[in-house]
């Protein structure tokens, strides 16, 4: 998700390949070395929150992370909860049996 405020934009990137807090620190350091970028990377959530100048593209941020040896992508939007997301409906779940046979 990318948001824009006056003169700056924000994005939350999903980061892959981190194995420890040092990995997160390395990515954060590389992103923060870019002019007009302020980033924090959370190892536990595997996300980077990045504020960047309007003249920087999200693709540039992703390329910087990838050049550091990790993967990065914008998170996919949350699934639509309208019931057509491919999973069972509430009615299907309610009518399922627990698999036990007999009454005793």
Protein backbone atom coordinates (compact mmCIF):
# COMPACT_ATOMS: atom_id res chain seq x y z
CA UNK A 1 0.00 0.00 0.00
CA UNK A 2 1.39 3.35 -1.02
CA UNK A 3 0.16 6.60 0.48
CA UNK A 4 1.18 10.12 -0.44
CA UNK A 5 1.50 13.18 1.76
CA UNK A 6 2.83 16.62 0.87
CA UNK A 7 6.20 16.04 -0.79
CA UNK A 8 6.58 12.49 0.45
CA UNK A 9 5.04 9.07 -0.04
CA UNK A 10 4.92 6.04 2.22
CA UNK A 11 4.94 2.35 1.40
CA UNK A 12 5.04 -0.85 3.40
CA UNK A 13 7.14 -3.52 1.73
CA UNK A 14 7.03 -7.24 2.44
CA UNK A 15 10.64 -8.39 2.89
CA UNK A 16 11.78 -11.96 2.34
CA UNK A 17 14.97 -13.81 3.13
CA UNK A 18 15.79 -12.27 6.51
CA UNK A 19 17.14 -14.77 9.02
CA UNK A 20 18.00 -12.48 11.94
CA UNK A 21 17.82 -8.93 13.25
CA UNK A 22 21.14 -8.13 11.58
CA UNK A 23 19.49 -8.76 8.21
CA UNK A 24 16.82 -6.20 9.06
CA UNK A 25 19.46 -3.71 10.16
CA UNK A 26 21.39 -4.22 6.92
CA UNK A 27 18.31 -3.57 4.77
CA UNK A 28 17.34 -0.54 6.86
CA UNK A 29 20.85 0.90 6.52
CA UNK A 30 20.86 0.46 2.73
CA UNK A 31 17.44 2.09 2.33
CA UNK A 32 18.32 4.98 4.63
CA UNK A 33 21.46 5.68 2.56
CA UNK A 34 19.21 6.65 -0.35
CA UNK A 35 18.59 10.39 -0.63
CA UNK A 36 15.08 11.32 0.51
CA UNK A 37 14.36 7.94 2.15
CA UNK A 38 13.56 7.14 5.76
CA UNK A 39 12.98 3.46 6.52
CA UNK A 40 12.41 1.13 9.44
CA UNK A 41 12.59 -2.63 8.99
CA UNK A 42 10.93 -5.08 11.38
CA UNK A 43 12.42 -8.58 11.34
CA UNK A 44 9.50 -10.13 13.25
CA UNK A 45 6.82 -8.89 10.85
CA UNK A 46 9.08 -9.08 7.77
CA UNK A 47 8.01 -5.58 6.73
CA UNK A 48 9.75 -2.34 5.89
CA UNK A 49 7.93 0.95 6.40
CA UNK A 50 9.44 3.48 4.06
CA UNK A 51 8.84 7.21 3.63
CA UNK A 52 10.37 8.55 0.45
CA UNK A 53 10.52 11.66 -1.71
CA UNK A 54 8.17 11.99 -4.67
CA UNK A 55 11.04 11.66 -7.14
CA UNK A 56 11.79 8.10 -5.95
CA UNK A 57 9.84 5.14 -7.31
CA UNK A 58 8.79 2.15 -5.24
CA UNK A 59 10.65 0.04 -7.81
CA UNK A 60 13.87 1.83 -6.77
CA UNK A 61 13.27 0.85 -3.14
CA UNK A 62 12.60 -2.75 -4.13
CA UNK A 63 15.72 -2.81 -6.31
CA UNK A 64 17.82 -1.56 -3.38
CA UNK A 65 16.51 -4.33 -1.12
CA UNK A 66 17.09 -6.95 -3.82
CA UNK A 67 20.62 -5.66 -4.46
CA UNK A 68 21.26 -6.22 -0.75
CA UNK A 69 20.37 -9.91 -1.21
CA UNK A 70 16.75 -10.06 -0.04
CA UNK A 71 13.34 -9.99 -1.70
CA UNK A 72 10.86 -7.14 -1.49
CA UNK A 73 7.38 -6.50 -2.80
CA UNK A 74 4.38 -4.38 -2.02
CA UNK A 75 2.01 -6.46 0.10
CA UNK A 76 -1.03 -7.81 -1.69
CA UNK A 77 -4.26 -6.09 -0.70
CA UNK A 78 -6.44 -7.93 1.84
CA UNK A 79 -8.86 -10.44 0.41
CA UNK A 80 -12.44 -9.40 -0.19
CA UNK A 81 -14.62 -10.73 2.63
CA UNK A 82 -17.73 -10.89 0.42
CA UNK A 83 -17.77 -14.68 0.39
CA UNK A 84 -16.33 -15.25 -3.07
CA UNK A 85 -12.73 -15.57 -1.87
CA UNK A 86 -12.52 -19.26 -2.69
CA UNK A 87 -12.95 -20.59 0.84
CA UNK A 88 -16.01 -22.26 2.32
CA UNK A 89 -18.97 -20.05 3.13
CA UNK A 90 -20.24 -19.63 6.68
CA UNK A 91 -23.16 -21.91 5.80
CA UNK A 92 -20.83 -24.64 4.54
CA UNK A 93 -18.79 -24.46 7.72
CA UNK A 94 -21.92 -24.61 9.91
CA UNK A 95 -23.23 -27.74 8.17
CA UNK A 96 -20.02 -29.77 8.32
CA UNK A 97 -19.95 -32.70 10.70
CA UNK A 98 -16.99 -33.44 12.89
CA UNK A 99 -16.42 -36.81 11.24
CA UNK A 100 -17.61 -38.95 14.16
CA UNK A 101 -19.92 -41.80 13.37
CA UNK A 102 -22.57 -43.26 15.63
CA UNK A 103 -24.01 -41.77 18.74
CA UNK A 104 -22.09 -43.43 21.42
